[in-house]
Amino acid sequence: MIEKQFSFTQADEKVIERIISDENLDINHMILTKSEALPQHYSNSNVYMLVVRGTITLQLDEQEEHNYPRGSIITIPYKTKMNVSNQFEDTLEFFVVKAPSPSKMPS
C-alpha cells in the first residue's frame, strides 16, 4: 500500500494524543470537557487548530481571550504564548497541525 492510515480516539472525556509526528508535520488530537485546559506554553511551530466540536477559548500572548466555535480553523504563529481551554458546557474537540514539524524549526 502506498497510503498509511491513522486513527484517533472518539470519546467524550479528556484525550490528548499525537496522531502523526514525522519530518513534515505533527498532528495532535484533543478533547477537553468543561473547565479543562492545556498548560500554558509557547507554540513550537506554526500552529493550525481545527475545531470539530464545541467552542475553543484561546488567550494568545497578552491579548484578550477569544472564542472560536466548531467549524473554525485558527492559525497561530511560531513562538506565541498560548492558553487553550474549554469554558463551555459542550465537549471541545480539535486537531492541532504543526507545520513544519517542530523538529525542523530553528532553536
C-alpha atoms as a PDB file:
ATOM      1  CA  MET A   1       0.000   0.000   0.000  1.00  0.00           C
ATOM      2  CA  ILE A   2       1.160   3.497  -0.778  1.00  0.00           C
ATOM      3  CA  GLU A   3      -1.044   5.208   1.807  1.00  0.00           C
ATOM      4  CA  LYS A   4      -0.942   4.942   5.575  1.00  0.00           C
ATOM      5  CA  GLN A   5      -3.989   5.026   7.806  1.00  0.00           C
ATOM      6  CA  PHE A   6      -4.065   6.698  11.209  1.00  0.00           C
ATOM      7  CA  SER A   7      -6.828   6.524  13.806  1.00  0.00           C
ATOM      8  CA  PHE A   8      -7.880   8.890  16.566  1.00  0.00           C
ATOM      9  CA  THR A   9      -9.907   8.336  19.726  1.00  0.00           C
ATOM     10  CA  GLN A  10     -13.617   9.082  19.675  1.00  0.00           C
ATOM     11  CA  ALA A  11     -14.696   9.903  23.210  1.00  0.00           C
ATOM     12  CA  ASP A  12     -16.451  12.388  25.489  1.00  0.00           C
ATOM     13  CA  GLU A  13     -13.724  12.564  28.146  1.00  0.00           C
ATOM     14  CA  LYS A  14     -10.293  14.235  28.093  1.00  0.00           C
ATOM     15  CA  VAL A  15      -7.963  12.978  25.372  1.00  0.00           C
ATOM     16  CA  ILE A  16      -4.596  14.339  24.276  1.00  0.00           C
ATOM     17  CA  GLU A  17      -2.918  12.222  21.640  1.00  0.00           C
ATOM     18  CA  ARG A  18      -0.277  12.542  18.957  1.00  0.00           C
ATOM     19  CA  ILE A  19      -1.566  11.084  15.706  1.00  0.00           C
ATOM     20  CA  ILE A  20       1.322  11.833  13.341  1.00  0.00           C
ATOM     21  CA  SER A  21       4.827  13.092  14.011  1.00  0.00           C
ATOM     22  CA  ASP A  22       7.257  12.947  11.126  1.00  0.00           C
ATOM     23  CA  GLU A  23       9.749  15.145   9.316  1.00  0.00           C
ATOM     24  CA  ASN A  24       6.935  17.102   7.604  1.00  0.00           C
ATOM     25  CA  LEU A  25       4.398  17.899  10.302  1.00  0.00           C
ATOM     26  CA  ASP A  26       2.767  16.916  13.584  1.00  0.00           C
ATOM     27  CA  ILE A  27      -0.947  16.264  14.024  1.00  0.00           C
ATOM     28  CA  ASN A  28      -2.401  16.093  17.531  1.00  0.00           C
ATOM     29  CA  HIS A  29      -5.984  15.374  18.569  1.00  0.00           C
ATOM     30  CA  MET A  30      -7.505  16.756  21.766  1.00  0.00           C
ATOM     31  CA  ILE A  31     -10.790  16.533  23.623  1.00  0.00           C
ATOM     32  CA  LEU A  32     -11.471  18.754  26.637  1.00  0.00           C
ATOM     33  CA  THR A  33     -14.581  18.797  28.813  1.00  0.00           C
ATOM     34  CA  LYS A  34     -15.909  21.917  30.554  1.00  0.00           C
ATOM     35  CA  SER A  35     -13.258  23.830  32.560  1.00  0.00           C
ATOM     36  CA  GLU A  36     -10.359  21.717  31.277  1.00  0.00           C
ATOM     37  CA  ALA A  37      -7.308  23.445  29.835  1.00  0.00           C
ATOM     38  CA  LEU A  38      -3.870  22.771  28.460  1.00  0.00           C
ATOM     39  CA  PRO A  39      -0.858  24.064  30.398  1.00  0.00           C
ATOM     40  CA  GLN A  40       0.295  27.493  29.239  1.00  0.00           C
ATOM     41  CA  HIS A  41       3.005  27.039  26.625  1.00  0.00           C
ATOM     42  CA  TYR A  42       4.632  28.628  23.580  1.00  0.00           C
ATOM     43  CA  SER A  43       3.923  27.362  20.087  1.00  0.00           C
ATOM     44  CA  ASN A  44       6.931  25.387  18.864  1.00  0.00           C
ATOM     45  CA  SER A  45       5.959  25.675  15.184  1.00  0.00           C
ATOM     46  CA  ASN A  46       3.302  27.333  13.040  1.00  0.00           C
ATOM     47  CA  VAL A  47       0.064  26.006  14.541  1.00  0.00           C
ATOM     48  CA  TYR A  48      -3.275  25.376  12.841  1.00  0.00           C
ATOM     49  CA  MET A  49      -6.219  24.455  15.096  1.00  0.00           C
ATOM     50  CA  LEU A  50      -9.293  22.837  13.546  1.00  0.00           C
ATOM     51  CA  VAL A  51     -12.306  22.896  15.883  1.00  0.00           C
ATOM     52  CA  VAL A  52     -14.630  19.967  15.131  1.00  0.00           C
ATOM     53  CA  ARG A  53     -16.854  20.035  18.242  1.00  0.00           C
ATOM     54  CA  GLY A  54     -17.674  22.641  20.874  1.00  0.00           C
ATOM     55  CA  THR A  55     -16.013  26.045  21.289  1.00  0.00           C
ATOM     56  CA  ILE A  56     -12.333  26.672  21.986  1.00  0.00           C
ATOM     57  CA  THR A  57     -11.166  29.602  24.123  1.00  0.00           C
ATOM     58  CA  LEU A  58      -7.737  30.994  23.236  1.00  0.00           C
ATOM     59  CA  GLN A  59      -5.728  33.628  25.046  1.00  0.00           C
ATOM     60  CA  LEU A  60      -2.595  34.342  22.996  1.00  0.00           C
ATOM     61  CA  ASP A  61       0.344  36.437  24.170  1.00  0.00           C
ATOM     62  CA  GLU A  62      -1.173  39.414  26.032  1.00  0.00           C
ATOM     63  CA  GLN A  63      -4.406  39.799  24.063  1.00  0.00           C
ATOM     64  CA  GLU A  64      -7.886  39.160  25.456  1.00  0.00           C
ATOM     65  CA  GLU A  65      -9.489  35.727  25.253  1.00  0.00           C
ATOM     66  CA  HIS A  66     -11.301  34.832  22.042  1.00  0.00           C
ATOM     67  CA  ASN A  67     -13.818  32.033  21.467  1.00  0.00           C
ATOM     68  CA  TYR A  68     -13.995  30.012  18.251  1.00  0.00           C
ATOM     69  CA  PRO A  69     -16.890  27.593  17.549  1.00  0.00           C
ATOM     70  CA  ARG A  70     -16.820  24.282  15.694  1.00  0.00           C
ATOM     71  CA  GLY A  71     -16.019  24.705  12.055  1.00  0.00           C
ATOM     72  CA  SER A  72     -13.278  27.240  12.834  1.00  0.00           C
ATOM     73  CA  ILE A  73      -9.672  26.978  11.710  1.00  0.00           C
ATOM     74  CA  ILE A  74      -7.292  29.186  13.675  1.00  0.00           C
ATOM     75  CA  THR A  75      -3.686  29.942  12.738  1.00  0.00           C
ATOM     76  CA  ILE A  76      -1.142  30.759  15.432  1.00  0.00           C
ATOM     77  CA  PRO A  77       2.403  31.919  14.638  1.00  0.00           C
ATOM     78  CA  TYR A  78       5.590  30.279  15.901  1.00  0.00           C
ATOM     79  CA  LYS A  79       6.695  31.287  19.443  1.00  0.00           C
ATOM     80  CA  THR A  80       3.286  32.598  20.536  1.00  0.00           C
ATOM     81  CA  LYS A  81       2.298  32.194  24.213  1.00  0.00           C
ATOM     82  CA  MET A  82      -0.833  30.035  24.272  1.00  0.00           C
ATOM     83  CA  ASN A  83      -3.579  29.424  26.814  1.00  0.00           C
ATOM     84  CA  VAL A  84      -6.108  26.904  25.480  1.00  0.00           C
ATOM     85  CA  SER A  85      -9.282  25.934  27.345  1.00  0.00           C
ATOM     86  CA  ASN A  86     -12.897  24.806  27.181  1.00  0.00           C
ATOM     87  CA  GLN A  87     -15.070  27.236  29.131  1.00  0.00           C
ATOM     88  CA  PHE A  88     -18.377  25.903  27.816  1.00  0.00           C
ATOM     89  CA  GLU A  89     -20.760  23.046  28.661  1.00  0.00           C
ATOM     90  CA  ASP A  90     -20.283  21.260  25.336  1.00  0.00           C
ATOM     91  CA  THR A  91     -17.297  18.975  24.931  1.00  0.00           C
ATOM     92  CA  LEU A  92     -14.490  20.584  22.912  1.00  0.00           C
ATOM     93  CA  GLU A  93     -12.717  18.520  20.253  1.00  0.00           C
ATOM     94  CA  PHE A  94      -9.999  19.858  17.989  1.00  0.00           C
ATOM     95  CA  PHE A  95      -6.986  18.892  15.921  1.00  0.00           C
ATOM     96  CA  VAL A  96      -3.654  20.688  16.042  1.00  0.00           C
ATOM     97  CA  VAL A  97      -1.491  20.668  12.937  1.00  0.00           C
ATOM     98  CA  LYS A  98       2.092  21.874  13.337  1.00  0.00           C
ATOM     99  CA  ALA A  99       3.944  22.656  10.139  1.00  0.00           C
ATOM    100  CA  PRO A 100       6.752  22.292   9.693  1.00  0.00           C
ATOM    101  CA  SER A 101       7.353  19.625  12.299  1.00  0.00           C
ATOM    102  CA  PRO A 102       8.774  21.207  15.478  1.00  0.00           C
ATOM    103  CA  SER A 103      11.904  19.117  14.941  1.00  0.00           C
ATOM    104  CA  LYS A 104      12.560  21.210  11.806  1.00  0.00           C
ATOM    105  CA  MET A 105      12.126  24.606  13.499  1.00  0.00           C
ATOM    106  CA  PRO A 106      15.192  26.707  14.475  1.00  0.00           C
ATOM    107  CA  SER A 107      16.019  26.865  18.163  1.00  0.00           C
END
